[in-house]
């Protein structure tokens, strides 16, 4: 079973918090797939990864830019793993039928959105019933992550 971390965003937006998680994954040698809820979200994340830090670069691609097998980070709205990733990031309450393909999974949700919090609770219950190892991370005031369970 996969280790699934629930990342509860509170003090920063997704486009500011996601690059940090992806940078850690790439630095540790993991390829990542980011599964978003729409092509528009993929496009926005693509732009955010180019501009989040002028002194840093996160190599990534989308179906628009192509070359999936060469990309350490693949942004998509389709449940796919074309770059052989071991790390999956689920956004917008997206669901994957490929959880077993990944070593680590991050489920990110906006703690300021009541519907997103309820969806995360339901997803936690489902994943727990399936036997996955679950970890809950809450964002602190400074934007860092604190493990709560």
Protein backbone atom coordinates (compact mmCIF):
# COMPACT_ATOMS: atom_id res chain seq x y z
CA UNK A 1 0.00 0.00 0.00
CA UNK A 2 1.08 3.56 -0.67
CA UNK A 3 1.94 6.17 1.93
CA UNK A 4 -0.54 9.00 1.49
CA UNK A 5 0.11 12.40 3.01
CA UNK A 6 -2.78 14.81 3.40
CA UNK A 7 -1.53 18.39 3.04
CA UNK A 8 -3.90 20.91 4.60
CA UNK A 9 -3.22 24.34 3.08
CA UNK A 10 -4.04 27.23 5.39
CA UNK A 11 -1.66 30.15 5.03
CA UNK A 12 -0.47 30.02 1.41
CA UNK A 13 -2.05 29.20 -1.90
CA UNK A 14 -1.52 25.95 -3.75
CA UNK A 15 0.63 27.58 -6.42
CA UNK A 16 3.01 28.81 -3.67
CA UNK A 17 3.04 25.57 -1.60
CA UNK A 18 3.23 22.96 -4.37
CA UNK A 19 6.67 23.95 -5.73
CA UNK A 20 8.30 23.23 -2.37
CA UNK A 21 6.93 19.68 -2.26
CA UNK A 22 7.92 19.07 -5.86
CA UNK A 23 11.42 20.47 -5.31
CA UNK A 24 11.95 18.05 -2.40
CA UNK A 25 10.75 15.13 -4.51
CA UNK A 26 13.03 16.00 -7.43
CA UNK A 27 15.98 16.62 -5.10
CA UNK A 28 15.50 13.14 -3.61
CA UNK A 29 15.48 11.61 -7.10
CA UNK A 30 11.75 11.03 -7.41
CA UNK A 31 9.78 11.79 -10.53
CA UNK A 32 6.33 13.26 -9.91
CA UNK A 33 2.92 13.38 -11.53
CA UNK A 34 0.58 16.19 -10.51
CA UNK A 35 -3.04 15.27 -11.21
CA UNK A 36 -5.21 18.39 -11.41
CA UNK A 37 -8.93 18.85 -11.91
CA UNK A 38 -8.91 20.64 -15.26
CA UNK A 39 -6.78 21.71 -18.22
CA UNK A 40 -7.06 25.28 -16.92
CA UNK A 41 -5.59 24.25 -13.56
CA UNK A 42 -2.74 22.45 -15.36
CA UNK A 43 -2.04 25.60 -17.38
CA UNK A 44 -2.04 27.76 -14.22
CA UNK A 45 0.31 25.36 -12.41
CA UNK A 46 2.60 25.26 -15.43
CA UNK A 47 2.88 29.05 -15.29
CA UNK A 48 3.34 29.02 -11.50
CA UNK A 49 6.22 26.54 -11.67
CA UNK A 50 8.03 28.82 -14.12
CA UNK A 51 7.63 31.92 -11.96
CA UNK A 52 7.44 30.85 -8.30
CA UNK A 53 11.12 31.62 -7.57
CA UNK A 54 13.37 33.64 -9.90
CA UNK A 55 16.45 31.86 -8.49
CA UNK A 56 15.12 28.34 -8.99
CA UNK A 57 13.90 26.04 -11.75
CA UNK A 58 11.66 22.99 -11.55
CA UNK A 59 11.84 20.98 -14.78
CA UNK A 60 8.34 19.96 -15.78
CA UNK A 61 6.05 19.37 -18.71
CA UNK A 62 2.46 19.00 -19.84
CA UNK A 63 0.76 17.42 -22.83
CA UNK A 64 1.10 20.82 -24.52
CA UNK A 65 4.89 20.86 -24.12
CA UNK A 66 5.31 17.10 -24.62
CA UNK A 67 8.29 14.82 -23.97
CA UNK A 68 6.66 13.16 -20.96
CA UNK A 69 9.31 10.48 -20.56
CA UNK A 70 12.00 13.17 -20.18
CA UNK A 71 10.16 15.23 -17.56
CA UNK A 72 10.86 14.83 -13.83
CA UNK A 73 7.49 16.50 -13.14
CA UNK A 74 4.42 15.88 -15.29
CA UNK A 75 1.33 18.09 -14.90
CA UNK A 76 -1.91 16.52 -16.13
CA UNK A 77 -5.68 16.35 -15.74
CA UNK A 78 -5.65 12.69 -16.85
CA UNK A 79 -4.96 9.69 -14.60
CA UNK A 80 -1.66 8.72 -16.23
CA UNK A 81 1.97 8.12 -15.33
CA UNK A 82 3.88 8.72 -18.58
CA UNK A 83 7.16 9.69 -16.88
CA UNK A 84 7.42 6.64 -14.60
CA UNK A 85 6.85 8.72 -11.46
CA UNK A 86 7.01 7.31 -7.93
CA UNK A 87 5.33 10.39 -6.40
CA UNK A 88 1.74 11.43 -7.14
CA UNK A 89 0.17 14.74 -6.12
CA UNK A 90 -3.62 14.79 -6.12
CA UNK A 91 -5.30 18.19 -6.40
CA UNK A 92 -8.94 19.28 -6.68
CA UNK A 93 -10.14 16.04 -5.02
CA UNK A 94 -8.94 14.08 -8.03
CA UNK A 95 -9.00 10.32 -7.85
CA UNK A 96 -6.48 7.89 -9.29
CA UNK A 97 -6.97 4.25 -10.13
CA UNK A 98 -3.17 3.88 -10.12
CA UNK A 99 -2.32 4.40 -6.43
CA UNK A 100 -0.37 1.13 -6.37
CA UNK A 101 2.00 2.54 -9.03
CA UNK A 102 3.38 5.12 -6.59
CA UNK A 103 5.54 4.96 -3.46
CA UNK A 104 4.27 8.27 -2.11
CA UNK A 105 1.11 10.26 -2.66
CA UNK A 106 0.26 13.79 -1.57
CA UNK A 107 -3.38 14.83 -1.38
CA UNK A 108 -3.44 18.65 -1.16
CA UNK A 109 -6.52 20.61 -0.16
CA UNK A 110 -7.49 24.17 0.73
CA UNK A 111 -8.36 24.38 4.41
CA UNK A 112 -10.23 27.64 3.79
CA UNK A 113 -12.75 25.88 1.53
CA UNK A 114 -15.39 23.96 3.48
CA UNK A 115 -16.25 21.67 0.55
CA UNK A 116 -12.57 20.83 0.06
CA UNK A 117 -12.19 19.97 3.76
CA UNK A 118 -15.25 17.70 3.64
CA UNK A 119 -13.93 16.00 0.49
CA UNK A 120 -10.57 15.44 2.20
CA UNK A 121 -12.28 13.86 5.22
CA UNK A 122 -14.20 11.50 2.95
CA UNK A 123 -11.02 10.65 1.03
CA UNK A 124 -9.15 10.00 4.33
CA UNK A 125 -11.87 7.57 5.42
CA UNK A 126 -11.77 5.77 2.06
CA UNK A 127 -7.99 5.46 1.95
CA UNK A 128 -7.87 4.28 5.57
CA UNK A 129 -10.44 1.58 4.81
CA UNK A 130 -8.25 0.47 1.90
CA UNK A 131 -5.29 -0.03 4.23
CA UNK A 132 -3.06 2.83 3.09
CA UNK A 133 -0.61 4.41 5.55
CA UNK A 134 -1.93 7.94 6.15
CA UNK A 135 -0.14 11.02 7.45
CA UNK A 136 -1.75 14.41 8.08
CA UNK A 137 0.29 17.56 7.51
CA UNK A 138 -1.03 20.99 8.45
CA UNK A 139 0.46 24.20 7.15
CA UNK A 140 1.74 26.56 9.83
CA UNK A 141 1.54 30.35 9.85
CA UNK A 142 4.96 30.66 8.19
CA UNK A 143 3.97 28.23 5.43
CA UNK A 144 5.96 25.25 6.76
CA UNK A 145 4.41 21.84 7.34
CA UNK A 146 3.71 20.32 10.75
CA UNK A 147 2.85 16.64 11.07
CA UNK A 148 -0.32 16.29 13.10
CA UNK A 149 -0.93 12.53 12.81
